[in-house]
Amino acid sequence: MQKAVRLFGLTLLLLSLTAGLVSGAGPVLVEYDCETPLKGAALKPGAPDGSSYWFTETAVDLPGLPEDSMELLVWSMDIRFDEEGAGFTPMSSEDRLGTCIRSNTRRDKYNLAVQAGSTVFSPITEIEPGQWYHLELMGKYSAPDSFMYLLLWRYNEEGERTDLQVFANVNRRQLNANVGQGASFIRLEPNTSVDNVRIFQPTVDSLTLTANADLVVAGQEVEFLVEGSRHGIALALGNTVSYQLFDANGNPLADPNFTIGSDGVLRVADFVPDQELIAQAVDLGGAVSNPVTVSVKSNSALQIVSAGFNQALTKLVDVELIKSYDYDGTAVLVIEVFDPQGNLYEMVTRNIAVDLVPVKENYTMPVNYTLPEGFNPADWQLKARIVSSVSR
């Protein structure tokens, strides 16, 4: 009888016949675009992005977070240090200092520095008085896990950020002095030009994914580890990372036999055929990890590759088998039919001539099983599986 339908991609040795045959910025918490007048500051044209900016004539406090925060934050702005002592400081609601960023001249060099005392400055890098920079303080104000990085870009004539420099462990003394307090607003010092002032939660711009094994046997697990960073700075990942699975051709894999949860553990069901999977991690901020390929090795001696039906879909004509390795034991094809209520209606078996099935080559085995009268693919179900002496 002529076959019209062949089903491929059977998983868990299960055949179901149904009608279906036929870069690193997170939420911005505080933002000033510096386009409107501000008491204590002059509004001037000519910011790096072509807009206006503020030039502070006195010290200016910019209202910030509703309460002091010890969370991981980025204190960000475009800034020009116009005169000695220009700069800014993240502050607590009780006027406790955070990291005091200042311009300071030392040994005839105009430096970006951290003020650590009334007359004590720790130089970070040399800067130019008339040059615009983009500056970010990234870290948290608390103890014992306080830390702070300073990231500094230089704006070129086209208004593009260039020459990123990253400085670690900025001003440990004042970070730890602000014990249990945190910070909530920014104080601008006199003679400081600023634009696009923001406080935001950072997200990673890079993810690195690794696995504890590159081979997994069906019925077992593989654990993935993902690490994130922003501009090369390692950051702890929260519950913002999810995982994606693809087949060997890069197509999304939606197969219940392969699951990976937020814990990064890939769980493989029993008796899946040999194949390769590709895993990737994705962060809510948009960062995507490197792909990691894992080879899946079947734990079944025999696997169903496809099934052939007659044109009327009333008879299972044959199944296509493959043998994973040299096995000469016994094996039986089990066919089960379930009614619309999910009850087992009929079960039949066919002995498999195992010695006729070549290793890693497809073999067509005649079945010639006629489906029960009244079988409707819309609500009945046909399942096929193999039971052998090495099945679990």
Protein backbone atom coordinates (compact mmCIF):
# COMPACT_ATOMS: atom_id res chain seq x y z
CA MET A 1 0.00 0.00 0.00
CA GLN A 2 1.34 3.43 -0.91
CA LYS A 3 2.67 5.51 1.97
CA ALA A 4 1.79 9.20 2.00
CA VAL A 5 2.95 10.43 5.39
CA ARG A 6 6.27 9.98 7.18
CA LEU A 7 6.88 11.46 10.63
CA PHE A 8 10.38 12.49 11.71
CA GLY A 9 11.96 13.79 14.91
CA LEU A 10 10.35 11.36 17.33
CA THR A 11 11.40 12.08 20.88
CA LEU A 12 11.45 9.85 23.94
CA LEU A 13 10.79 7.04 21.46
CA LEU A 14 7.28 8.46 21.41
CA LEU A 15 5.14 8.80 18.30
CA SER A 16 2.04 10.98 18.56
CA LEU A 17 -0.46 11.04 15.70
CA THR A 18 -2.68 14.13 15.91
CA ALA A 19 -4.51 16.52 13.62
CA GLY A 20 -1.23 18.43 13.42
CA LEU A 21 0.12 15.85 10.99
CA VAL A 22 -1.33 17.65 7.95
CA SER A 23 25.31 47.52 25.94
CA GLY A 24 24.79 47.97 29.58
CA ALA A 25 22.31 50.60 30.92
CA GLY A 26 19.33 49.38 32.92
CA PRO A 27 16.47 51.38 34.43
CA VAL A 28 17.23 55.10 34.72
CA LEU A 29 16.25 56.26 38.22
CA VAL A 30 17.24 59.94 38.00
CA GLU A 31 17.84 61.99 34.86
CA TYR A 32 18.69 65.61 34.05
CA ASP A 33 19.03 66.62 30.40
CA CYS A 34 20.35 70.07 31.44
CA GLU A 35 18.14 71.89 28.93
CA THR A 36 16.30 74.22 31.34
CA PRO A 37 17.57 76.95 33.71
CA LEU A 38 18.85 75.86 37.12
CA LYS A 39 19.45 78.07 40.14
CA GLY A 40 23.17 78.41 40.74
CA ALA A 41 24.08 77.37 37.18
CA ALA A 42 24.24 79.11 33.82
CA LEU A 43 22.56 77.46 30.84
CA LYS A 44 25.00 77.46 27.92
CA PRO A 45 25.06 76.01 24.39
CA GLY A 46 27.67 73.64 23.03
CA ALA A 47 27.46 70.30 24.87
CA PRO A 48 29.07 67.29 23.13
CA ASP A 49 25.67 66.15 21.81
CA GLY A 50 24.94 69.63 20.41
CA SER A 51 22.48 70.56 23.16
CA SER A 52 22.78 72.93 26.11
CA TYR A 53 24.62 72.25 29.36
CA TRP A 54 24.89 73.63 32.88
CA PHE A 55 27.91 75.59 34.11
CA THR A 56 27.79 75.81 37.90
CA GLU A 57 28.55 79.20 39.44
CA THR A 58 28.10 77.90 43.00
CA ALA A 59 27.72 74.46 44.56
CA VAL A 60 24.45 72.91 43.34
CA ASP A 61 22.56 69.94 44.79
CA LEU A 62 20.58 67.90 42.25
CA PRO A 63 17.61 66.12 43.91
CA GLY A 64 17.98 62.40 43.36
CA LEU A 65 16.67 59.12 44.73
CA PRO A 66 13.75 59.11 47.19
CA GLU A 67 16.06 57.55 49.80
CA ASP A 68 19.70 56.63 50.25
CA SER A 69 20.72 53.50 48.38
CA MET A 70 23.45 50.95 48.99
CA GLU A 71 22.56 49.06 45.81
CA LEU A 72 24.72 48.75 42.71
CA LEU A 73 24.27 52.01 40.79
CA VAL A 74 25.95 54.11 38.11
CA TRP A 75 26.38 57.86 38.70
CA SER A 76 26.84 59.16 35.17
CA MET A 77 27.34 62.48 33.37
CA ASP A 78 29.07 64.36 30.60
CA ILE A 79 31.48 66.66 32.40
CA ARG A 80 34.10 69.34 31.84
CA PHE A 81 36.41 70.40 34.67
CA ASP A 82 36.70 74.11 33.90
CA GLU A 83 38.74 75.24 36.90
CA GLU A 84 40.65 73.89 39.88
CA GLY A 85 38.32 72.04 42.27
CA ALA A 86 35.59 71.39 39.73
CA GLY A 87 33.78 68.08 40.08
CA PHE A 88 30.94 66.36 41.93
CA THR A 89 30.12 64.10 44.87
CA PRO A 90 27.37 61.51 45.43
CA MET A 91 25.83 62.44 48.79
CA SER A 92 23.63 60.87 51.43
CA SER A 93 20.46 62.50 52.72
CA GLU A 94 22.36 63.42 55.92
CA ASP A 95 25.04 65.19 53.89
CA ARG A 96 27.59 62.43 54.29
CA LEU A 97 30.10 62.36 51.48
CA GLY A 98 30.47 59.64 48.93
CA THR A 99 33.33 59.67 46.42
CA CYS A 100 34.57 63.25 45.92
CA ILE A 101 35.59 63.62 42.27
CA ARG A 102 37.67 66.77 41.73
CA SER A 103 40.13 68.41 39.37
CA ASN A 104 43.43 69.12 41.10
CA THR A 105 46.82 70.38 40.01
CA ARG A 106 49.82 68.48 41.28
CA ARG A 107 53.39 68.97 40.10
CA ASP A 108 52.17 71.15 37.24
CA LYS A 109 49.77 68.46 36.03
CA TYR A 110 46.01 69.02 35.90
CA ASN A 111 44.56 65.76 37.23
CA LEU A 112 41.27 64.05 37.74
CA ALA A 113 41.51 63.17 41.42
CA VAL A 114 39.63 61.90 44.45
CA GLN A 115 39.59 64.26 47.42
CA ALA A 116 40.34 62.17 50.50
CA GLY A 117 40.74 65.04 52.98
CA SER A 118 40.60 68.83 53.17
CA THR A 119 43.97 69.13 51.43
CA VAL A 120 44.57 65.53 50.40
CA PHE A 121 43.97 64.51 46.78
CA SER A 122 44.68 61.15 45.14
CA PRO A 123 45.35 61.69 41.42
CA ILE A 124 43.70 59.25 39.01
CA THR A 125 44.71 60.45 35.55
CA GLU A 126 45.75 63.64 33.79
CA ILE A 127 42.96 65.65 32.11
CA GLU A 128 42.55 68.85 30.06
CA PRO A 129 40.66 71.90 31.43
CA GLY A 130 38.66 72.58 28.25
CA GLN A 131 37.97 68.96 27.35
CA TRP A 132 34.59 67.23 27.62
CA TYR A 133 34.52 63.75 29.18
CA HIS A 134 31.89 61.16 29.94
CA LEU A 135 32.38 59.93 33.49
CA GLU A 136 30.69 57.11 35.38
CA LEU A 137 31.05 55.96 38.96
CA MET A 138 29.83 52.37 39.16
CA GLY A 139 29.54 50.58 42.47
CA LYS A 140 27.78 50.64 45.82
CA TYR A 141 28.11 52.66 49.01
CA SER A 142 27.99 50.22 51.92
CA ALA A 143 30.14 47.94 54.06
CA PRO A 144 31.60 45.36 53.94
CA ASP A 145 30.92 44.86 50.22
CA SER A 146 31.38 48.44 49.05
CA PHE A 147 33.30 48.99 45.82
CA MET A 148 33.59 51.69 43.20
CA TYR A 149 34.93 51.83 39.65
CA LEU A 150 35.51 55.03 37.72
CA LEU A 151 35.02 54.86 33.95
CA LEU A 152 36.24 57.78 31.86
CA TRP A 153 35.73 58.44 28.14
CA ARG A 154 37.10 61.38 26.17
CA TYR A 155 34.81 63.11 23.66
CA ASN A 156 36.33 63.72 20.23
CA GLU A 157 35.46 66.56 17.86
CA GLU A 158 32.57 64.55 16.39
CA GLY A 159 30.97 64.18 19.83
CA GLU A 160 31.88 60.50 20.08
CA ARG A 161 33.13 58.80 23.23
CA THR A 162 36.66 57.47 22.83
CA ASP A 163 39.65 56.21 24.83
CA LEU A 164 37.82 54.45 27.66
CA GLN A 165 39.85 54.20 30.87
CA VAL A 166 38.72 52.08 33.82
CA PHE A 167 39.99 52.65 37.36
CA ALA A 168 39.25 50.22 40.19
CA ASN A 169 39.02 50.67 43.97
CA VAL A 170 38.32 54.39 43.76
CA ASN A 171 38.40 56.03 47.21
CA ARG A 172 38.02 53.04 49.52
CA ARG A 173 38.25 55.20 52.64
CA GLN A 174 35.15 57.26 51.98
CA LEU A 175 33.24 54.30 50.62
CA ASN A 176 33.64 52.45 53.89
CA ALA A 177 33.17 55.57 56.01
CA ASN A 178 29.63 55.85 54.69
CA VAL A 179 28.66 52.74 56.66
CA GLY A 180 25.06 51.64 56.31
CA GLN A 181 24.06 54.95 54.77
CA GLY A 182 24.33 54.82 51.01
CA ALA A 183 23.84 57.84 48.75
CA SER A 184 20.90 59.47 47.02
CA PHE A 185 21.81 62.73 45.26
CA ILE A 186 24.64 64.52 43.45
CA ARG A 187 26.37 67.71 44.60
CA LEU A 188 28.04 69.67 41.80
CA GLU A 189 31.03 71.82 42.71
CA PRO A 190 31.49 75.36 41.32
CA ASN A 191 33.07 75.83 37.87
CA THR A 192 31.83 72.48 36.61
CA SER A 193 30.11 71.97 33.25
CA VAL A 194 27.72 69.01 33.04
CA ASP A 195 25.16 67.49 30.70
CA ASN A 196 23.02 64.33 30.69
CA VAL A 197 23.29 63.64 34.42
CA ARG A 198 21.86 60.23 35.31
CA ILE A 199 21.65 57.69 38.10
CA PHE A 200 20.80 54.24 36.77
CA GLN A 201 21.04 50.55 37.50
CA PRO A 202 23.69 48.90 35.32
CA THR A 203 23.18 45.80 33.24
CA VAL A 204 25.87 43.59 31.82
CA ASP A 205 26.99 44.15 28.24
CA SER A 206 28.76 40.80 27.96
CA LEU A 207 27.94 37.26 29.06
CA THR A 208 30.31 34.30 29.11
CA LEU A 209 28.75 30.83 29.17
CA THR A 210 30.54 27.59 30.06
CA ALA A 211 29.38 24.03 30.77
CA ASN A 212 30.77 21.45 33.15
CA ALA A 213 30.76 18.89 30.31
CA ASP A 214 30.50 18.86 26.52
CA LEU A 215 28.84 15.43 26.44
CA VAL A 216 25.71 14.25 28.21
CA VAL A 217 24.05 10.85 28.14
CA ALA A 218 20.27 10.75 27.79
CA GLY A 219 18.64 10.76 31.22
CA GLN A 220 21.39 12.89 32.76
CA GLU A 221 22.18 16.59 33.26
CA VAL A 222 24.69 19.27 32.28
CA GLU A 223 25.25 22.38 34.39
CA PHE A 224 25.95 25.74 32.77
CA LEU A 225 27.73 28.65 34.43
CA VAL A 226 27.19 32.19 33.19
CA GLU A 227 29.28 35.20 34.15
CA GLY A 228 28.50 38.80 33.27
CA SER A 229 30.50 41.98 32.91
CA ARG A 230 30.07 45.62 31.93
CA HIS A 231 32.98 47.24 30.11
CA GLY A 232 35.10 44.32 31.29
CA ILE A 233 34.10 44.72 34.96
CA ALA A 234 32.63 41.55 36.46
CA LEU A 235 29.15 42.07 37.92
CA ALA A 236 27.00 39.71 39.95
CA LEU A 237 23.99 38.47 38.00
CA GLY A 238 20.54 38.50 39.54
CA ASN A 239 17.43 36.77 38.21
CA THR A 240 17.78 38.53 34.87
CA VAL A 241 19.35 35.68 32.89
CA SER A 242 17.44 33.09 30.89
CA TYR A 243 18.62 30.34 28.56
CA GLN A 244 17.85 29.40 24.98
CA LEU A 245 18.32 26.04 23.27
CA PHE A 246 18.90 25.44 19.56
CA ASP A 247 19.37 22.37 17.41
CA ALA A 248 22.56 21.68 15.49
CA ASN A 249 21.34 23.89 12.62
CA GLY A 250 20.73 26.85 14.90
CA ASN A 251 16.94 26.56 14.93
CA PRO A 252 15.11 27.22 18.23
CA LEU A 253 14.49 23.95 20.05
CA ALA A 254 11.05 23.53 21.60
CA ASP A 255 11.26 19.94 22.77
CA PRO A 256 10.02 18.88 26.23
CA ASN A 257 12.79 16.28 26.35
CA PHE A 258 15.32 19.09 26.79
CA THR A 259 14.70 21.64 29.53
CA ILE A 260 16.93 24.25 31.11
CA GLY A 261 15.75 26.35 34.03
CA SER A 262 16.95 29.52 35.70
CA ASP A 263 19.45 27.38 37.63
CA GLY A 264 21.32 26.75 34.37
CA VAL A 265 20.88 22.96 34.54
CA LEU A 266 20.09 21.24 31.23
CA ARG A 267 18.01 18.13 31.85
CA VAL A 268 17.86 15.50 29.11
CA ALA A 269 15.09 12.89 29.04
CA ASP A 270 15.70 9.17 28.64
CA PHE A 271 16.08 7.53 25.24
CA VAL A 272 16.51 10.63 23.09
CA PRO A 273 18.59 9.98 19.95
CA ASP A 274 22.17 11.10 19.40
CA GLN A 275 22.30 14.80 18.51
CA GLU A 276 23.95 18.12 19.23
CA LEU A 277 22.39 21.02 21.13
CA ILE A 278 23.47 24.65 21.31
CA ALA A 279 22.83 26.71 24.45
CA GLN A 280 22.98 30.48 24.93
CA ALA A 281 22.36 32.75 27.89
CA VAL A 282 20.43 36.01 27.46
CA ASP A 283 20.19 38.91 29.90
CA LEU A 284 17.12 41.14 30.16
CA GLY A 285 19.34 44.07 29.23
CA GLY A 286 19.98 42.48 25.84
CA ALA A 287 23.41 40.88 26.31
CA VAL A 288 23.78 37.48 24.63
CA SER A 289 26.45 34.96 25.59
CA ASN A 290 28.70 32.88 23.41
CA PRO A 291 27.05 29.67 22.12
CA VAL A 292 28.05 26.41 23.82
CA THR A 293 27.59 23.10 22.00
CA VAL A 294 26.73 19.95 23.94
CA SER A 295 26.66 16.49 22.37
CA VAL A 296 23.80 14.23 23.49
CA LYS A 297 24.48 10.49 23.52
CA SER A 298 21.51 8.16 23.48
CA ASN A 299 21.18 5.61 26.26
CA SER A 300 19.01 3.38 24.06
CA ALA A 301 20.37 0.68 21.78
CA LEU A 302 17.56 1.22 19.25
CA GLN A 303 15.76 4.41 18.29
CA ILE A 304 12.74 5.25 16.14
CA VAL A 305 13.69 7.73 13.43
CA SER A 306 10.41 8.02 11.53
CA ALA A 307 7.12 6.25 10.84
CA GLY A 308 5.26 5.59 7.58
CA PHE A 309 1.47 5.59 7.19
CA ASN A 310 -0.85 4.80 4.31
CA GLN A 311 -2.51 7.66 2.47
CA ALA A 312 -5.76 7.35 4.41
CA LEU A 313 -3.87 7.40 7.74
CA THR A 314 -5.56 4.17 8.81
CA LYS A 315 -2.49 1.94 8.96
CA LEU A 316 1.01 2.19 10.39
CA VAL A 317 2.93 0.61 7.52
CA ASP A 318 6.48 0.67 8.86
CA VAL A 319 8.95 2.38 11.18
CA GLU A 320 12.47 3.47 10.42
CA LEU A 321 14.98 2.35 13.07
CA ILE A 322 18.61 3.02 13.85
CA LYS A 323 20.95 1.16 16.18
CA SER A 324 23.21 3.36 18.31
CA TYR A 325 25.89 0.73 18.89
CA ASP A 326 26.60 -2.95 18.32
CA TYR A 327 23.77 -4.63 20.20
CA ASP A 328 22.47 -8.17 19.59
CA GLY A 329 20.00 -8.58 22.45
CA THR A 330 16.21 -8.72 22.24
CA ALA A 331 13.97 -5.78 21.38
CA VAL A 332 10.23 -5.25 20.90
CA LEU A 333 8.26 -2.45 19.25
CA VAL A 334 5.33 -1.49 21.49
CA ILE A 335 2.36 0.30 19.89
CA GLU A 336 -0.25 1.90 22.16
CA VAL A 337 -3.53 3.56 21.19
CA PHE A 338 -5.32 5.96 23.56
CA ASP A 339 -8.95 7.09 23.26
CA PRO A 340 -10.09 10.74 23.57
CA GLN A 341 -10.27 10.37 27.38
CA GLY A 342 -6.62 9.31 27.50
CA ASN A 343 -7.43 5.69 28.34
CA LEU A 344 -5.38 2.88 26.81
CA TYR A 345 -7.61 1.38 24.11
CA GLU A 346 -5.25 -1.14 22.56
CA MET A 347 -1.64 -2.30 22.81
CA VAL A 348 0.19 -4.50 20.31
CA THR A 349 3.81 -5.56 19.94
CA ARG A 350 6.13 -6.48 17.10
CA ASN A 351 9.39 -8.34 17.59
CA ILE A 352 12.42 -6.58 16.12
CA ALA A 353 15.04 -8.58 14.24
CA VAL A 354 17.90 -6.74 15.93
CA ASP A 355 20.59 -8.50 13.89
CA LEU A 356 19.15 -6.98 10.69
CA VAL A 357 19.42 -3.40 11.97
CA PRO A 358 22.82 -1.90 11.04
CA VAL A 359 24.77 0.32 13.45
CA LYS A 360 24.19 4.04 12.81
CA GLU A 361 22.32 3.37 9.56
CA ASN A 362 18.58 3.68 9.00
CA TYR A 363 16.63 0.44 8.68
CA THR A 364 12.96 0.17 7.61
CA MET A 365 11.00 -2.41 9.59
CA PRO A 366 7.57 -3.53 8.31
CA VAL A 367 4.78 -3.13 10.87
CA ASN A 368 1.42 -3.28 9.02
CA TYR A 369 -0.65 -2.31 12.03
CA THR A 370 -4.24 -1.24 11.28
CA LEU A 371 -5.58 1.49 13.53
CA PRO A 372 -8.84 0.74 15.40
CA GLU A 373 -12.08 1.58 13.62
CA GLY A 374 -13.20 5.04 14.64
CA PHE A 375 -9.66 6.29 15.29
CA ASN A 376 -9.66 10.07 14.81
CA PRO A 377 -6.30 11.88 14.76
CA ALA A 378 -8.00 14.97 16.21
CA ASP A 379 -8.56 13.44 19.64
CA TRP A 380 -7.06 9.92 19.63
CA GLN A 381 -3.38 9.27 20.18
CA LEU A 382 -0.92 6.71 18.88
CA LYS A 383 2.36 6.10 20.70
CA ALA A 384 5.25 3.88 19.72
CA ARG A 385 8.29 2.92 21.79
CA ILE A 386 11.00 0.30 21.88
CA VAL A 387 11.68 -1.98 24.83
CA SER A 388 14.98 -3.83 24.89
CA SER A 389 17.11 -5.64 27.43
CA VAL A 390 19.14 -2.43 27.92
CA SER A 391 16.14 -0.08 28.25
CA ARG A 392 15.68 1.66 31.59
